[in-house]
N, C-alpha and C. Protein backbone atom coordinates (compact mmCIF):
# COMPACT_ATOMS: atom_id res chain seq x y z
N MET A 1 85.09 90.65 142.03
CA MET A 1 84.12 91.49 142.03
C MET A 1 83.84 91.78 140.55
N GLN A 2 82.69 91.79 140.00
CA GLN A 2 82.25 92.23 138.85
C GLN A 2 82.04 93.58 138.62
N THR A 3 82.78 94.22 138.34
CA THR A 3 82.91 95.64 138.39
C THR A 3 82.01 96.24 137.41
N GLN A 4 81.83 95.62 136.33
CA GLN A 4 81.13 96.43 134.99
C GLN A 4 79.66 96.56 135.49
N ALA A 5 79.12 95.94 136.33
CA ALA A 5 77.88 96.29 136.79
C ALA A 5 77.52 97.57 137.46
N PHE A 6 78.77 98.06 137.96
CA PHE A 6 78.86 99.51 138.56
C PHE A 6 79.17 100.65 137.61
N ALA A 7 79.25 100.38 136.38
CA ALA A 7 79.93 101.33 135.38
C ALA A 7 79.15 102.57 135.19
N ARG A 8 77.72 102.56 135.65
CA ARG A 8 76.84 103.48 135.53
C ARG A 8 75.87 103.74 136.76
N VAL A 9 76.04 104.50 137.58
CA VAL A 9 74.99 104.38 138.94
C VAL A 9 74.14 105.76 138.81
N LEU A 10 72.70 105.45 138.64
CA LEU A 10 72.02 106.81 138.57
C LEU A 10 71.42 107.10 140.08
N LEU A 11 71.47 108.33 140.24
CA LEU A 11 70.89 108.78 141.48
C LEU A 11 70.04 109.85 141.18
N PRO A 12 69.19 110.51 142.13
CA PRO A 12 68.26 111.38 141.87
C PRO A 12 68.70 112.61 140.88
N HIS A 13 69.85 113.23 141.42
CA HIS A 13 70.26 114.27 140.45
C HIS A 13 71.72 114.10 140.13
N TYR A 14 72.25 113.10 140.07
CA TYR A 14 73.71 113.11 139.79
C TYR A 14 73.70 111.51 138.95
N GLU A 15 74.73 111.26 138.13
CA GLU A 15 75.13 110.17 137.38
C GLU A 15 76.62 109.84 137.82
N LEU A 16 76.93 108.46 138.33
CA LEU A 16 78.33 108.05 138.65
C LEU A 16 78.70 107.23 137.33
N ARG A 17 79.76 107.60 137.03
CA ARG A 17 80.27 106.95 135.72
C ARG A 17 81.74 106.67 135.90
N PHE A 18 81.99 105.50 135.43
CA PHE A 18 83.50 105.11 135.50
C PHE A 18 84.36 106.04 134.55
N LEU A 19 85.31 106.29 134.84
CA LEU A 19 86.35 107.46 134.23
C LEU A 19 86.46 107.15 132.82
N ASN A 20 86.24 106.26 132.02
CA ASN A 20 86.33 106.13 130.64
C ASN A 20 85.07 106.81 129.90
N THR A 21 84.21 107.23 130.58
CA THR A 21 83.29 108.04 129.98
C THR A 21 82.99 109.33 130.67
N VAL A 22 84.07 109.89 131.25
CA VAL A 22 83.98 111.23 131.94
C VAL A 22 85.08 112.03 131.23
N PRO A 23 84.58 113.22 130.84
CA PRO A 23 85.69 114.21 130.30
C PRO A 23 86.91 114.47 131.18
N ALA A 24 88.02 113.96 130.28
CA ALA A 24 89.34 114.12 130.97
C ALA A 24 89.73 115.42 131.30
N LYS A 25 89.12 116.45 130.58
CA LYS A 25 89.34 117.77 130.79
C LYS A 25 88.89 118.10 132.38
N GLY A 26 87.69 117.54 132.58
CA GLY A 26 87.29 117.96 134.04
C GLY A 26 87.99 117.13 135.15
N VAL A 27 88.56 115.90 134.58
CA VAL A 27 89.31 115.26 135.69
C VAL A 27 90.63 116.19 135.92
N TYR A 28 91.29 116.59 134.93
CA TYR A 28 92.41 117.33 134.84
C TYR A 28 92.08 118.67 135.70
N ALA A 29 91.04 119.38 135.57
CA ALA A 29 90.71 120.63 136.45
C ALA A 29 90.90 120.16 137.81
N LEU A 30 90.22 119.00 138.16
CA LEU A 30 90.28 118.58 139.62
C LEU A 30 91.63 118.38 140.14
N ARG A 31 92.27 117.58 139.40
CA ARG A 31 93.84 116.93 139.88
C ARG A 31 94.59 118.26 139.61
N HIS A 32 94.54 119.09 138.94
CA HIS A 32 95.43 120.17 138.64
C HIS A 32 95.27 121.36 139.82
N ASP A 33 94.15 121.18 140.57
CA ASP A 33 93.79 122.09 141.69
C ASP A 33 94.99 121.98 142.86
N THR A 34 95.62 122.80 143.06
CA THR A 34 96.88 122.76 144.10
C THR A 34 96.10 122.71 145.51
N THR A 35 95.02 123.43 145.69
CA THR A 35 94.18 123.42 147.16
C THR A 35 93.75 121.99 147.37
N ILE A 36 93.02 121.49 146.49
CA ILE A 36 92.58 120.04 146.62
C ILE A 36 93.65 119.16 146.84
N ALA A 37 94.81 119.26 146.03
CA ALA A 37 95.92 118.23 146.10
C ALA A 37 96.32 118.32 147.69
N ALA A 38 96.57 119.44 148.11
CA ALA A 38 97.03 119.76 149.34
C ALA A 38 96.29 119.26 150.55
N ALA A 39 94.94 119.39 150.34
CA ALA A 39 94.08 118.85 151.39
C ALA A 39 94.02 117.58 151.35
N THR A 40 94.35 116.73 150.21
CA THR A 40 94.30 115.12 150.29
C THR A 40 95.61 114.65 150.34
N GLY A 41 96.61 115.45 150.23
CA GLY A 41 98.15 114.87 150.37
C GLY A 41 98.72 114.36 149.13
N ARG A 42 97.85 114.70 147.91
CA ARG A 42 98.13 113.93 146.76
C ARG A 42 99.12 114.72 145.75
N SER A 43 99.72 114.25 144.85
CA SER A 43 100.51 115.16 143.83
C SER A 43 99.38 115.75 143.09
N THR A 44 99.87 116.91 142.38
CA THR A 44 99.04 117.59 141.48
C THR A 44 99.34 117.31 140.08
N ASP A 45 98.45 116.96 139.01
CA ASP A 45 98.72 116.77 137.81
C ASP A 45 99.10 118.23 137.11
N TYR A 46 100.08 118.30 136.34
CA TYR A 46 100.54 119.41 135.67
C TYR A 46 100.30 119.68 134.32
N ASP A 47 99.75 118.44 133.65
CA ASP A 47 99.27 118.56 132.44
C ASP A 47 98.29 117.52 132.06
N LEU A 48 97.71 117.41 130.89
CA LEU A 48 96.51 116.45 130.70
C LEU A 48 96.99 115.17 130.47
N THR A 49 98.31 115.13 129.98
CA THR A 49 98.92 113.73 130.01
C THR A 49 98.93 113.18 131.21
N ALA A 50 99.39 113.70 132.35
CA ALA A 50 99.58 113.05 133.64
C ALA A 50 98.02 112.57 134.12
N THR A 51 97.13 113.43 133.79
CA THR A 51 95.63 113.09 134.19
C THR A 51 95.36 111.82 133.41
N MET A 52 95.72 111.60 132.15
CA MET A 52 95.20 110.58 131.35
C MET A 52 95.95 109.33 131.86
N GLN A 53 97.27 109.38 132.32
CA GLN A 53 97.84 108.24 133.04
C GLN A 53 97.07 107.82 134.20
N TYR A 54 96.71 108.93 135.03
CA TYR A 54 95.92 108.68 136.19
C TYR A 54 94.65 107.91 135.93
N ILE A 55 94.05 108.51 135.02
CA ILE A 55 92.65 107.88 134.66
C ILE A 55 92.92 106.23 133.96
N SER A 56 93.88 106.30 133.18
CA SER A 56 94.29 104.68 132.98
C SER A 56 94.67 103.83 134.06
N ARG A 57 95.41 104.27 135.23
CA ARG A 57 95.51 103.62 136.33
C ARG A 57 94.47 103.34 137.14
N MET A 58 93.60 104.24 137.23
CA MET A 58 92.20 103.97 138.07
C MET A 58 91.33 102.99 137.15
N LEU A 59 91.25 103.05 135.89
CA LEU A 59 90.37 102.22 135.18
C LEU A 59 90.88 100.76 135.25
N THR A 60 92.30 100.54 135.17
CA THR A 60 93.04 99.36 135.33
C THR A 60 92.64 98.78 136.74
N GLY A 61 92.72 99.51 137.77
CA GLY A 61 92.32 99.15 139.06
C GLY A 61 91.13 98.78 139.20
N THR A 62 90.03 99.35 138.50
CA THR A 62 88.67 99.18 138.68
C THR A 62 88.37 97.79 138.00
N GLN A 63 88.98 97.70 136.72
CA GLN A 63 88.91 96.29 136.03
C GLN A 63 89.33 95.23 136.86
N ARG A 64 90.36 95.22 137.63
CA ARG A 64 90.79 94.36 138.40
C ARG A 64 90.22 94.07 139.72
N GLY A 65 89.04 94.97 140.01
CA GLY A 65 88.28 95.00 141.37
C GLY A 65 88.88 95.41 142.49
N ASN A 66 90.06 96.14 142.23
CA ASN A 66 90.86 96.76 143.39
C ASN A 66 89.98 98.13 144.10
N TYR A 67 89.42 98.64 143.19
CA TYR A 67 88.41 99.72 143.60
C TYR A 67 87.47 100.04 142.77
N LEU A 68 86.43 100.79 142.91
CA LEU A 68 85.50 101.46 142.22
C LEU A 68 85.58 103.00 142.15
N MET A 69 85.77 103.28 141.09
CA MET A 69 85.97 104.85 140.75
C MET A 69 85.10 105.61 139.95
N TRP A 70 84.33 106.46 140.25
CA TRP A 70 83.37 107.25 139.37
C TRP A 70 83.54 108.78 139.16
N GLY A 71 83.37 109.05 138.22
CA GLY A 71 83.12 110.61 138.04
C GLY A 71 81.76 110.92 138.45
N ILE A 72 81.53 112.16 139.02
CA ILE A 72 80.20 112.60 139.39
C ILE A 72 79.65 113.62 138.35
N MET A 73 78.71 113.15 137.76
CA MET A 73 78.17 114.20 136.73
C MET A 73 76.55 114.57 137.02
N ASP A 74 76.34 115.64 136.53
CA ASP A 74 75.06 116.24 136.56
C ASP A 74 74.10 115.49 135.58
N ARG A 75 72.97 115.10 136.20
CA ARG A 75 72.20 114.15 135.15
C ARG A 75 71.45 115.02 134.15
N GLN A 76 71.30 116.35 134.47
CA GLN A 76 70.56 117.16 133.46
C GLN A 76 71.63 117.74 132.40
N THR A 77 72.68 118.11 133.03
CA THR A 77 73.57 119.00 132.16
C THR A 77 74.95 118.19 131.78
N ASP A 78 75.10 117.24 132.26
CA ASP A 78 76.23 116.25 132.15
C ASP A 78 77.53 116.94 132.46
N GLU A 79 77.49 118.04 133.44
CA GLU A 79 78.75 118.48 134.06
C GLU A 79 79.26 117.84 134.92
N PHE A 80 80.70 117.77 134.89
CA PHE A 80 81.61 117.00 135.85
C PHE A 80 81.71 117.88 137.11
N TYR A 81 81.39 117.18 138.40
CA TYR A 81 81.60 117.95 139.63
C TYR A 81 82.89 117.36 140.45
N GLY A 82 83.26 115.95 140.27
CA GLY A 82 84.18 115.39 141.00
C GLY A 82 84.37 114.02 141.00
N LEU A 83 84.99 113.30 141.80
CA LEU A 83 85.45 112.01 141.81
C LEU A 83 84.93 111.54 143.16
N ILE A 84 84.46 110.30 143.32
CA ILE A 84 84.31 109.35 144.53
C ILE A 84 84.74 108.05 144.25
N GLN A 85 85.35 107.32 145.21
CA GLN A 85 85.68 106.01 144.93
C GLN A 85 85.54 105.15 146.16
N LEU A 86 85.45 103.86 146.06
CA LEU A 86 85.38 102.67 147.15
C LEU A 86 86.71 102.06 146.94
N TRP A 87 87.50 101.92 147.98
CA TRP A 87 88.78 101.27 147.79
C TRP A 87 89.39 100.49 149.16
N HIS A 88 90.40 99.94 149.23
CA HIS A 88 90.86 99.39 150.38
C HIS A 88 90.08 98.37 150.87
N PHE A 89 89.52 97.51 150.02
CA PHE A 89 88.55 96.39 150.42
C PHE A 89 89.52 95.29 151.30
N GLN A 90 88.80 95.18 152.31
CA GLN A 90 89.52 94.02 153.25
C GLN A 90 88.25 93.40 153.85
N LYS A 91 88.15 92.10 153.81
CA LYS A 91 87.10 91.37 154.26
C LYS A 91 85.91 92.02 154.13
N GLN A 92 85.07 92.55 154.96
CA GLN A 92 83.83 93.17 154.89
C GLN A 92 83.97 94.72 155.16
N THR A 93 85.04 95.28 154.86
CA THR A 93 85.29 96.91 155.01
C THR A 93 85.62 97.39 153.86
N ALA A 94 85.59 98.71 153.75
CA ALA A 94 86.12 99.42 152.57
C ALA A 94 86.23 100.88 152.89
N GLU A 95 87.14 101.56 152.27
CA GLU A 95 87.23 103.04 152.30
C GLU A 95 86.53 103.89 151.41
N VAL A 96 85.95 105.03 151.51
CA VAL A 96 85.45 105.72 150.54
C VAL A 96 86.28 107.01 150.58
N GLY A 97 86.50 107.66 149.39
CA GLY A 97 87.26 108.90 149.34
C GLY A 97 86.58 109.56 148.11
N TYR A 98 86.74 110.95 148.06
CA TYR A 98 86.12 111.79 147.45
C TYR A 98 86.88 113.09 147.22
N GLU A 99 86.48 113.95 145.97
CA GLU A 99 86.99 115.04 145.79
C GLU A 99 85.99 115.73 144.64
N ILE A 100 85.66 117.14 145.13
CA ILE A 100 84.92 117.83 144.47
C ILE A 100 85.48 119.16 144.12
N LEU A 101 85.39 119.68 142.61
CA LEU A 101 85.92 120.86 141.96
C LEU A 101 85.66 122.02 143.08
N SER A 102 86.44 122.83 143.32
CA SER A 102 86.37 123.99 144.14
C SER A 102 85.00 124.69 143.92
N GLN A 103 84.79 125.13 142.72
CA GLN A 103 83.47 125.84 142.64
C GLN A 103 82.26 125.13 142.94
N TRP A 104 82.17 123.73 143.15
CA TRP A 104 81.20 123.15 143.30
C TRP A 104 81.02 122.53 144.98
N GLN A 105 82.12 122.85 145.64
CA GLN A 105 82.12 122.57 147.13
C GLN A 105 81.18 123.33 147.78
N ARG A 106 80.32 122.76 148.95
CA ARG A 106 79.56 123.30 149.68
C ARG A 106 78.28 123.61 148.92
N HIS A 107 77.85 122.98 147.94
CA HIS A 107 76.65 122.97 147.23
C HIS A 107 75.73 121.69 147.46
N GLY A 108 75.92 120.87 148.32
CA GLY A 108 75.22 119.70 148.69
C GLY A 108 75.23 118.59 147.84
N ILE A 109 76.30 118.44 146.83
CA ILE A 109 76.54 117.37 146.00
C ILE A 109 76.92 116.25 146.94
N MET A 110 77.68 116.34 147.57
CA MET A 110 78.04 114.88 148.50
C MET A 110 77.07 114.51 149.41
N GLN A 111 76.27 115.28 149.74
CA GLN A 111 75.05 115.08 150.86
C GLN A 111 74.20 114.12 150.20
N GLU A 112 74.15 114.32 148.77
CA GLU A 112 73.29 113.14 148.05
C GLU A 112 74.16 112.06 147.77
N VAL A 113 75.26 112.13 147.14
CA VAL A 113 76.14 111.16 146.54
C VAL A 113 76.69 110.21 147.60
N LEU A 114 77.07 110.79 148.76
CA LEU A 114 77.96 109.88 149.74
C LEU A 114 77.02 108.69 150.29
N PRO A 115 75.86 109.32 150.77
CA PRO A 115 75.05 108.19 151.29
C PRO A 115 74.49 107.07 150.19
N GLN A 116 74.38 107.55 149.22
CA GLN A 116 74.01 106.51 147.97
C GLN A 116 75.13 105.66 147.80
N VAL A 117 76.43 106.05 147.67
CA VAL A 117 77.48 105.13 147.48
C VAL A 117 77.65 104.22 148.84
N ALA A 118 77.39 104.67 149.97
CA ALA A 118 77.51 103.96 151.06
C ALA A 118 76.46 102.88 151.01
N GLN A 119 75.23 103.15 150.55
CA GLN A 119 74.30 102.12 150.34
C GLN A 119 74.43 101.03 149.46
N LEU A 120 75.19 101.71 148.15
CA LEU A 120 75.72 100.61 147.23
C LEU A 120 76.69 99.68 147.86
N ALA A 121 77.55 100.12 148.86
CA ALA A 121 78.54 99.24 149.35
C ALA A 121 78.02 98.23 150.21
N PHE A 122 77.14 98.82 150.98
CA PHE A 122 76.51 97.66 151.96
C PHE A 122 75.61 96.82 151.08
N GLU A 123 74.82 97.21 150.46
CA GLU A 123 73.81 96.55 149.74
C GLU A 123 74.24 95.46 148.61
N GLN A 124 75.14 96.02 147.88
CA GLN A 124 75.54 95.24 146.85
C GLN A 124 77.09 94.65 146.99
N LEU A 125 77.78 95.11 147.78
CA LEU A 125 79.10 94.57 147.71
C LEU A 125 79.27 94.02 149.21
N ASP A 126 78.10 93.89 150.01
CA ASP A 126 78.27 93.09 151.28
C ASP A 126 79.35 93.67 152.35
N ILE A 127 79.49 95.15 152.24
CA ILE A 127 80.58 95.79 153.07
C ILE A 127 79.81 96.17 154.33
N LYS A 128 80.30 95.64 155.58
CA LYS A 128 79.76 95.83 156.97
C LYS A 128 80.12 97.17 157.41
N ARG A 129 81.37 97.81 157.25
CA ARG A 129 81.81 99.08 157.67
C ARG A 129 82.46 99.66 156.71
N LEU A 130 82.18 101.06 156.56
CA LEU A 130 82.98 101.96 155.48
C LEU A 130 83.72 102.94 156.27
N TYR A 131 84.79 103.13 155.75
CA TYR A 131 85.86 104.25 156.52
C TYR A 131 85.90 105.43 155.50
N ALA A 132 86.11 106.57 156.10
CA ALA A 132 86.65 107.80 155.35
C ALA A 132 87.52 108.40 156.14
N VAL A 133 88.65 108.69 155.59
CA VAL A 133 89.89 109.25 156.15
C VAL A 133 90.22 110.58 155.50
N THR A 134 90.25 111.73 156.31
CA THR A 134 90.24 113.08 155.83
C THR A 134 91.34 113.98 156.69
N GLY A 135 91.74 114.96 156.29
CA GLY A 135 92.52 115.85 156.95
C GLY A 135 91.84 116.41 158.22
N GLU A 136 92.64 116.42 159.26
CA GLU A 136 92.02 116.83 160.68
C GLU A 136 91.47 118.26 160.68
N ALA A 137 92.22 118.94 159.74
CA ALA A 137 91.85 120.54 159.45
C ALA A 137 90.73 120.53 158.39
N ASN A 138 90.41 119.51 157.68
CA ASN A 138 89.28 119.84 156.57
C ASN A 138 87.99 119.56 157.19
N LEU A 139 87.46 120.75 157.94
CA LEU A 139 86.16 120.90 158.61
C LEU A 139 85.16 120.66 157.78
N PRO A 140 85.18 121.22 156.34
CA PRO A 140 83.85 120.93 155.57
C PRO A 140 83.76 119.39 155.41
N SER A 141 84.92 118.57 155.03
CA SER A 141 84.81 117.37 155.00
C SER A 141 84.16 116.57 156.05
N ARG A 142 84.85 117.03 157.36
CA ARG A 142 84.31 116.37 158.62
C ARG A 142 82.92 116.56 158.80
N ARG A 143 82.36 117.73 158.59
CA ARG A 143 81.25 117.91 158.79
C ARG A 143 80.22 117.30 157.91
N LEU A 144 80.68 117.29 156.80
CA LEU A 144 79.80 116.29 155.89
C LEU A 144 79.72 114.83 156.25
N LEU A 145 80.84 114.21 156.65
CA LEU A 145 80.89 112.87 157.15
C LEU A 145 79.80 112.76 158.39
N GLU A 146 79.93 113.59 159.38
CA GLU A 146 79.23 113.65 160.37
C GLU A 146 77.68 113.77 160.24
N LYS A 147 77.27 114.65 159.28
CA LYS A 147 75.96 115.13 158.65
C LYS A 147 75.23 113.71 158.11
N VAL A 148 76.15 112.96 157.30
CA VAL A 148 75.58 111.85 156.72
C VAL A 148 75.70 110.24 157.58
N GLY A 149 76.14 110.73 158.82
CA GLY A 149 76.10 109.44 159.78
C GLY A 149 77.27 108.81 160.22
N PHE A 150 78.40 109.31 159.52
CA PHE A 150 79.67 108.62 159.90
C PHE A 150 80.19 109.19 161.30
N GLN A 151 80.84 108.25 162.08
CA GLN A 151 81.29 108.59 163.38
C GLN A 151 82.69 108.68 163.48
N LEU A 152 83.23 109.61 164.20
CA LEU A 152 84.81 109.63 164.34
C LEU A 152 85.20 108.61 165.23
N ASP A 153 86.39 107.80 164.71
CA ASP A 153 87.23 106.97 165.08
C ASP A 153 88.28 107.47 165.99
N SER A 154 88.13 107.65 167.37
CA SER A 154 88.87 108.39 168.42
C SER A 154 90.12 107.60 168.42
N ASN A 155 90.23 106.38 168.08
CA ASN A 155 91.59 105.46 168.26
C ASN A 155 92.52 105.79 167.13
N TYR A 156 92.17 106.29 166.01
CA TYR A 156 92.88 106.51 164.73
C TYR A 156 93.65 107.90 164.77
N HIS A 157 94.86 107.90 164.74
CA HIS A 157 95.86 108.97 164.65
C HIS A 157 96.92 108.80 163.73
N GLU A 158 96.90 109.25 162.77
CA GLU A 158 97.90 108.95 161.54
C GLU A 158 98.45 110.43 161.04
N LYS A 159 99.55 110.48 160.44
CA LYS A 159 100.14 111.75 159.89
C LYS A 159 100.51 111.09 158.61
N LEU A 160 100.27 112.11 157.61
CA LEU A 160 100.81 111.62 156.17
C LEU A 160 101.94 113.08 155.71
N TYR A 161 102.86 112.57 155.12
CA TYR A 161 103.69 113.57 154.33
C TYR A 161 103.38 113.75 153.03
N THR A 162 102.93 114.88 152.74
CA THR A 162 102.37 115.01 151.43
C THR A 162 103.29 115.27 150.36
N PHE A 163 102.91 115.25 149.14
CA PHE A 163 103.79 115.57 148.03
C PHE A 163 104.22 117.17 148.07
N GLN A 164 103.59 117.80 148.80
CA GLN A 164 104.02 119.31 148.95
C GLN A 164 104.83 119.41 150.42
N GLN A 165 105.45 118.18 150.67
CA GLN A 165 106.57 118.23 151.76
C GLN A 165 105.91 118.64 153.04
N THR A 166 104.58 118.69 153.37
CA THR A 166 104.22 119.09 154.60
C THR A 166 103.43 117.89 155.24
N GLU A 167 103.25 118.19 156.58
CA GLU A 167 102.67 116.99 157.36
C GLU A 167 101.12 117.22 157.55
N LEU A 168 100.34 116.12 157.15
CA LEU A 168 98.81 116.52 157.15
C LEU A 168 98.51 115.27 158.22
N ALA A 169 97.85 116.06 159.39
CA ALA A 169 97.23 115.28 160.36
C ALA A 169 95.99 114.70 159.87
N LEU A 170 95.76 113.20 160.07
CA LEU A 170 94.45 112.66 159.44
C LEU A 170 93.63 112.24 160.53
N VAL A 171 92.15 112.27 160.14
CA VAL A 171 91.24 111.42 161.24
C VAL A 171 90.58 110.30 160.22
N ARG A 172 89.78 109.65 161.04
CA ARG A 172 89.01 108.47 160.21
C ARG A 172 87.69 108.46 160.88
N TYR A 173 86.75 108.41 159.89
CA TYR A 173 85.41 108.22 160.46
C TYR A 173 85.04 106.77 159.85
N GLN A 174 83.77 106.40 160.61
CA GLN A 174 83.26 105.12 160.23
C GLN A 174 81.81 104.98 160.09
N LEU A 175 81.40 104.28 159.15
CA LEU A 175 79.75 104.01 159.18
C LEU A 175 79.61 102.71 158.96
N ASP A 176 78.81 102.02 159.83
CA ASP A 176 78.46 100.57 159.85
C ASP A 176 76.98 100.40 159.01
N ALA A 177 77.01 99.19 158.56
CA ALA A 177 75.96 98.97 157.77
C ALA A 177 74.71 98.68 158.77
N LYS A 178 73.43 99.06 158.55
CA LYS A 178 72.41 98.95 159.43
C LYS A 178 72.01 97.44 159.42
N LYS A 179 71.77 96.84 160.61
CA LYS A 179 71.55 95.28 160.73
C LYS A 179 70.05 94.95 160.52
């Protein structure tokens, strides 16, 4: 996959940019948020150095074509809102994941961004099915997925043991490309 073609994606109100052009302090604020980390089961970055290492890993994976990860930026103010990525590419499927800074959740950002990223996956990457895995108790994320057309996969039942040493029940949604 030629990832450089996706380094900058313009949406009506937002711009998606690879992490080398996103403020590291914004990414740190997101990855330092213990509530967001607990909701996704990932570790928390306790300093900017850890975030810089994360950014470096994500850029390397993007360059290798393992995934596409973008910072979500406001087109007018250049403010950082969160991250979105496509990953787990297998045949004609992929997974989408996202995290939004707490103060920007429930502001409709992902209602614009998520369908646009899905369209990019379907039209430019030849993905036929897009998955999204979220916490069973993460009702805002589940409602978002349903609102933009994802369907619950009732056969998927997984549990994750988080970095916080808790069990996180997961659900999976899927969205198929239009034929």
